[in-house]
Structure formats: structure tokens, C-alpha cells
Amino acid sequence: SLTKECVARLASGAAQAVFDLFSGRLPKNIFNRKELEEAGFIKEDQLIKKIQNKGAS
């Protein structure tokens, strides 16, 4: 279901963040929206929301 997909996404994102951290590629401030956008995190998040909104309406 959608919840399982979201959990899998979050787990995947967390694993990627840990990998990036050890690779030295993680944005200095994880909460800096611009840096996250550049890293491609925000776009994916917005895409998930669009898909969820489409399913809800």
C-alpha cells in the first residue's frame, strides 16, 4: 500500500543520507532547503505529494 511505499522511501532516503555522510557528500545543514533542493531531495518529496494528492482527489 501507499504507507509501505512511503516507509520504503524514507528508509531508502535515510540509507542514502548515511551513505552520503560517510562519503562526505551530505549537505552541511540537512535542514537547509536550498541545499536539499540541489541534492534532489525536495523535488522527490514534492513528486510524492503530487501523486498522493492525485490519489486522494
PDB file of N, CA and C in Angstrom:
ATOM      1  N   SER A   1       0.835  -1.207   0.000  1.00  0.00           N
ATOM      2  CA  SER A   1       0.000   0.000   0.000  1.00  0.00           C
ATOM      3  C   SER A   1       0.862   1.246   0.000  1.00  0.00           C
ATOM      4  N   LEU A   2       0.213   2.401   0.007  1.00  0.00           N
ATOM      5  CA  LEU A   2       0.908   3.686  -0.047  1.00  0.00           C
ATOM      6  C   LEU A   2       1.811   3.869   1.172  1.00  0.00           C
ATOM      7  N   THR A   3       1.329   3.441   2.343  1.00  0.00           N
ATOM      8  CA  THR A   3       2.102   3.597   3.576  1.00  0.00           C
ATOM      9  C   THR A   3       3.402   2.819   3.486  1.00  0.00           C
ATOM     10  N   LYS A   4       3.337   1.582   3.024  1.00  0.00           N
ATOM     11  CA  LYS A   4       4.532   0.761   2.866  1.00  0.00           C
ATOM     12  C   LYS A   4       5.514   1.426   1.913  1.00  0.00           C
ATOM     13  N   GLU A   5       4.989   2.000   0.843  1.00  0.00           N
ATOM     14  CA  GLU A   5       5.829   2.679  -0.145  1.00  0.00           C
ATOM     15  C   GLU A   5       6.531   3.874   0.491  1.00  0.00           C
ATOM     16  N   CYS A   6       5.796   4.641   1.292  1.00  0.00           N
ATOM     17  CA  CYS A   6       6.368   5.804   1.978  1.00  0.00           C
ATOM     18  C   CYS A   6       7.461   5.383   2.951  1.00  0.00           C
ATOM     19  N   VAL A   7       7.203   4.317   3.706  1.00  0.00           N
ATOM     20  CA  VAL A   7       8.199   3.815   4.657  1.00  0.00           C
ATOM     21  C   VAL A   7       9.451   3.371   3.915  1.00  0.00           C
ATOM     22  N   ALA A   8       9.256   2.672   2.801  1.00  0.00           N
ATOM     23  CA  ALA A   8      10.388   2.215   1.994  1.00  0.00           C
ATOM     24  C   ALA A   8      11.185   3.405   1.468  1.00  0.00           C
ATOM     25  N   ARG A   9      10.478   4.446   1.033  1.00  0.00           N
ATOM     26  CA  ARG A   9      11.116   5.678   0.550  1.00  0.00           C
ATOM     27  C   ARG A   9      11.957   6.314   1.647  1.00  0.00           C
ATOM     28  N   LEU A  10      11.348   6.430   2.836  1.00  0.00           N
ATOM     29  CA  LEU A  10      12.042   7.042   3.971  1.00  0.00           C
ATOM     30  C   LEU A  10      13.282   6.236   4.341  1.00  0.00           C
ATOM     31  N   ALA A  11      13.140   4.921   4.380  1.00  0.00           N
ATOM     32  CA  ALA A  11      14.274   4.056   4.707  1.00  0.00           C
ATOM     33  C   ALA A  11      15.370   4.208   3.665  1.00  0.00           C
ATOM     34  N   SER A  12      14.966   4.248   2.401  1.00  0.00           N
ATOM     35  CA  SER A  12      15.906   4.424   1.305  1.00  0.00           C
ATOM     36  C   SER A  12      16.607   5.774   1.409  1.00  0.00           C
ATOM     37  N   GLY A  13      15.831   6.815   1.713  1.00  0.00           N
ATOM     38  CA  GLY A  13      16.395   8.151   1.872  1.00  0.00           C
ATOM     39  C   GLY A  13      17.369   8.219   3.025  1.00  0.00           C
ATOM     40  N   ALA A  14      17.013   7.568   4.139  1.00  0.00           N
ATOM     41  CA  ALA A  14      17.880   7.551   5.316  1.00  0.00           C
ATOM     42  C   ALA A  14      19.180   6.821   5.007  1.00  0.00           C
ATOM     43  N   ALA A  15      19.076   5.688   4.321  1.00  0.00           N
ATOM     44  CA  ALA A  15      20.262   4.928   3.940  1.00  0.00           C
ATOM     45  C   ALA A  15      21.163   5.757   3.022  1.00  0.00           C
ATOM     46  N   GLN A  16      20.538   6.469   2.085  1.00  0.00           N
ATOM     47  CA  GLN A  16      21.289   7.329   1.167  1.00  0.00           C
ATOM     48  C   GLN A  16      21.977   8.459   1.933  1.00  0.00           C
ATOM     49  N   ALA A  17      21.276   9.031   2.899  1.00  0.00           N
ATOM     50  CA  ALA A  17      21.849  10.111   3.715  1.00  0.00           C
ATOM     51  C   ALA A  17      23.059   9.623   4.496  1.00  0.00           C
ATOM     52  N   VAL A  18      22.944   8.430   5.084  1.00  0.00           N
ATOM     53  CA  VAL A  18      24.061   7.839   5.831  1.00  0.00           C
ATOM     54  C   VAL A  18      25.232   7.593   4.891  1.00  0.00           C
ATOM     55  N   PHE A  19      24.942   7.033   3.714  1.00  0.00           N
ATOM     56  CA  PHE A  19      25.981   6.779   2.713  1.00  0.00           C
ATOM     57  C   PHE A  19      26.669   8.084   2.317  1.00  0.00           C
ATOM     58  N   ASP A  20      25.849   9.118   2.047  1.00  0.00           N
ATOM     59  CA  ASP A  20      26.387  10.429   1.668  1.00  0.00           C
ATOM     60  C   ASP A  20      27.236  11.018   2.788  1.00  0.00           C
ATOM     61  N   LEU A  21      26.774  10.827   4.028  1.00  0.00           N
ATOM     62  CA  LEU A  21      27.509  11.336   5.181  1.00  0.00           C
ATOM     63  C   LEU A  21      28.913  10.735   5.208  1.00  0.00           C
ATOM     64  N   PHE A  22      28.993   9.419   5.036  1.00  0.00           N
ATOM     65  CA  PHE A  22      30.286   8.748   5.066  1.00  0.00           C
ATOM     66  C   PHE A  22      31.117   9.061   3.824  1.00  0.00           C
ATOM     67  N   SER A  23      30.443   9.431   2.750  1.00  0.00           N
ATOM     68  CA  SER A  23      31.141   9.814   1.526  1.00  0.00           C
ATOM     69  C   SER A  23      31.532  11.288   1.554  1.00  0.00           C
ATOM     70  N   GLY A  24      31.051  12.002   2.570  1.00  0.00           N
ATOM     71  CA  GLY A  24      31.337  13.419   2.682  1.00  0.00           C
ATOM     72  C   GLY A  24      30.536  14.265   1.716  1.00  0.00           C
ATOM     73  N   ARG A  25      29.413  13.738   1.238  1.00  0.00           N
ATOM     74  CA  ARG A  25      28.615  14.450   0.248  1.00  0.00           C
ATOM     75  C   ARG A  25      27.334  15.050   0.841  1.00  0.00           C
ATOM     76  N   LEU A  26      27.092  14.798   2.113  1.00  0.00           N
ATOM     77  CA  LEU A  26      25.855  15.281   2.729  1.00  0.00           C
ATOM     78  C   LEU A  26      25.915  16.797   2.895  1.00  0.00           C
ATOM     79  N   PRO A  27      24.819  17.498   2.587  1.00  0.00           N
ATOM     80  CA  PRO A  27      24.794  18.942   2.819  1.00  0.00           C
ATOM     81  C   PRO A  27      25.157  19.249   4.272  1.00  0.00           C
ATOM     82  N   LYS A  28      25.900  20.327   4.474  1.00  0.00           N
ATOM     83  CA  LYS A  28      26.347  20.676   5.828  1.00  0.00           C
ATOM     84  C   LYS A  28      25.168  20.822   6.769  1.00  0.00           C
ATOM     85  N   ASN A  29      24.123  21.480   6.289  1.00  0.00           N
ATOM     86  CA  ASN A  29      22.919  21.652   7.104  1.00  0.00           C
ATOM     87  C   ASN A  29      21.792  20.876   6.435  1.00  0.00           C
ATOM     88  N   ILE A  30      21.448  19.737   7.007  1.00  0.00           N
ATOM     89  CA  ILE A  30      20.436  18.847   6.415  1.00  0.00           C
ATOM     90  C   ILE A  30      19.086  19.559   6.299  1.00  0.00           C
ATOM     91  N   PHE A  31      18.864  20.585   7.107  1.00  0.00           N
ATOM     92  CA  PHE A  31      17.580  21.275   7.080  1.00  0.00           C
ATOM     93  C   PHE A  31      17.591  22.503   6.182  1.00  0.00           C
ATOM     94  N   ASN A  32      18.713  22.726   5.499  1.00  0.00           N
ATOM     95  CA  ASN A  32      18.792  23.849   4.571  1.00  0.00           C
ATOM     96  C   ASN A  32      18.057  23.472   3.299  1.00  0.00           C
ATOM     97  N   ARG A  33      16.907  24.093   3.080  1.00  0.00           N
ATOM     98  CA  ARG A  33      16.019  23.719   1.979  1.00  0.00           C
ATOM     99  C   ARG A  33      16.706  23.838   0.617  1.00  0.00           C
ATOM    100  N   LYS A  34      17.476  24.903   0.431  1.00  0.00           N
ATOM    101  CA  LYS A  34      18.143  25.117  -0.858  1.00  0.00           C
ATOM    102  C   LYS A  34      19.142  23.988  -1.142  1.00  0.00           C
ATOM    103  N   GLU A  35      19.911  23.624  -0.124  1.00  0.00           N
ATOM    104  CA  GLU A  35      20.882  22.536  -0.293  1.00  0.00           C
ATOM    105  C   GLU A  35      20.170  21.214  -0.573  1.00  0.00           C
ATOM    106  N   LEU A  36      19.069  20.993   0.135  1.00  0.00           N
ATOM    107  CA  LEU A  36      18.295  19.776  -0.086  1.00  0.00           C
ATOM    108  C   LEU A  36      17.737  19.749  -1.512  1.00  0.00           C
ATOM    109  N   GLU A  37      17.254  20.908  -1.967  1.00  0.00           N
ATOM    110  CA  GLU A  37      16.728  21.015  -3.328  1.00  0.00           C
ATOM    111  C   GLU A  37      17.811  20.668  -4.335  1.00  0.00           C
ATOM    112  N   GLU A  38      19.002  21.219  -4.121  1.00  0.00           N
ATOM    113  CA  GLU A  38      20.119  20.956  -5.023  1.00  0.00           C
ATOM    114  C   GLU A  38      20.494  19.474  -5.009  1.00  0.00           C
ATOM    115  N   ALA A  39      20.332  18.856  -3.837  1.00  0.00           N
ATOM    116  CA  ALA A  39      20.638  17.430  -3.715  1.00  0.00           C
ATOM    117  C   ALA A  39      19.526  16.560  -4.311  1.00  0.00           C
ATOM    118  N   GLY A  40      18.391  17.197  -4.656  1.00  0.00           N
ATOM    119  CA  GLY A  40      17.298  16.469  -5.295  1.00  0.00           C
ATOM    120  C   GLY A  40      16.285  15.882  -4.337  1.00  0.00           C
ATOM    121  N   PHE A  41      16.419  16.182  -3.045  1.00  0.00           N
ATOM    122  CA  PHE A  41      15.507  15.597  -2.060  1.00  0.00           C
ATOM    123  C   PHE A  41      14.118  16.211  -2.148  1.00  0.00           C
ATOM    124  N   ILE A  42      14.066  17.548  -2.226  1.00  0.00           N
ATOM    125  CA  ILE A  42      12.781  18.250  -2.187  1.00  0.00           C
ATOM    126  C   ILE A  42      11.923  17.866  -3.391  1.00  0.00           C
ATOM    127  N   LYS A  43      12.531  17.837  -4.564  1.00  0.00           N
ATOM    128  CA  LYS A  43      11.781  17.515  -5.783  1.00  0.00           C
ATOM    129  C   LYS A  43      11.077  16.171  -5.649  1.00  0.00           C
ATOM    130  N   GLU A  44      11.803  15.187  -5.120  1.00  0.00           N
ATOM    131  CA  GLU A  44      11.217  13.860  -4.939  1.00  0.00           C
ATOM    132  C   GLU A  44      10.051  13.926  -3.959  1.00  0.00           C
ATOM    133  N   ASP A  45      10.241  14.687  -2.894  1.00  0.00           N
ATOM    134  CA  ASP A  45       9.204  14.853  -1.877  1.00  0.00           C
ATOM    135  C   ASP A  45       7.965  15.491  -2.493  1.00  0.00           C
ATOM    136  N   GLN A  46       8.159  16.515  -3.316  1.00  0.00           N
ATOM    137  CA  GLN A  46       7.036  17.185  -3.970  1.00  0.00           C
ATOM    138  C   GLN A  46       6.328  16.239  -4.928  1.00  0.00           C
ATOM    139  N   LEU A  47       7.095  15.408  -5.598  1.00  0.00           N
ATOM    140  CA  LEU A  47       6.527  14.437  -6.531  1.00  0.00           C
ATOM    141  C   LEU A  47       5.642  13.440  -5.780  1.00  0.00           C
ATOM    142  N   ILE A  48       6.110  12.950  -4.647  1.00  0.00           N
ATOM    143  CA  ILE A  48       5.330  12.020  -3.821  1.00  0.00           C
ATOM    144  C   ILE A  48       4.024  12.683  -3.396  1.00  0.00           C
ATOM    145  N   LYS A  49       4.102  13.959  -2.965  1.00  0.00           N
ATOM    146  CA  LYS A  49       2.902  14.678  -2.535  1.00  0.00           C
ATOM    147  C   LYS A  49       1.917  14.828  -3.681  1.00  0.00           C
ATOM    148  N   LYS A  50       2.430  15.143  -4.877  1.00  0.00           N
ATOM    149  CA  LYS A  50       1.556  15.279  -6.049  1.00  0.00           C
ATOM    150  C   LYS A  50       0.819  13.970  -6.328  1.00  0.00           C
ATOM    151  N   ILE A  51       1.543  12.867  -6.259  1.00  0.00           N
ATOM    152  CA  ILE A  51       0.953  11.555  -6.512  1.00  0.00           C
ATOM    153  C   ILE A  51      -0.111  11.254  -5.449  1.00  0.00           C
ATOM    154  N   GLN A  52       0.210  11.554  -4.179  1.00  0.00           N
ATOM    155  CA  GLN A  52      -0.739  11.318  -3.092  1.00  0.00           C
ATOM    156  C   GLN A  52      -1.985  12.179  -3.265  1.00  0.00           C
ATOM    157  N   ASN A  53      -1.797  13.450  -3.642  1.00  0.00           N
ATOM    158  CA  ASN A  53      -2.939  14.355  -3.838  1.00  0.00           C
ATOM    159  C   ASN A  53      -3.823  13.879  -4.983  1.00  0.00           C
ATOM    160  N   LYS A  54      -3.187  13.373  -6.028  1.00  0.00           N
ATOM    161  CA  LYS A  54      -3.935  12.856  -7.175  1.00  0.00           C
ATOM    162  C   LYS A  54      -4.801  11.665  -6.747  1.00  0.00           C
ATOM    163  N   GLY A  55      -4.220  10.800  -5.916  1.00  0.00           N
ATOM    164  CA  GLY A  55      -4.932   9.622  -5.429  1.00  0.00           C
ATOM    165  C   GLY A  55      -6.075   9.993  -4.490  1.00  0.00           C
ATOM    166  N   ALA A  56      -5.887  11.091  -3.737  1.00  0.00           N
ATOM    167  CA  ALA A  56      -6.895  11.499  -2.750  1.00  0.00           C
ATOM    168  C   ALA A  56      -8.100  12.162  -3.404  1.00  0.00           C
ATOM    169  N   SER A  57      -7.855  12.922  -4.467  1.00  0.00           N
ATOM    170  CA  SER A  57      -8.950  13.685  -5.084  1.00  0.00           C
ATOM    171  C   SER A  57      -9.777  12.854  -6.053  1.00  0.00           C
TER     172      SER A  57
END
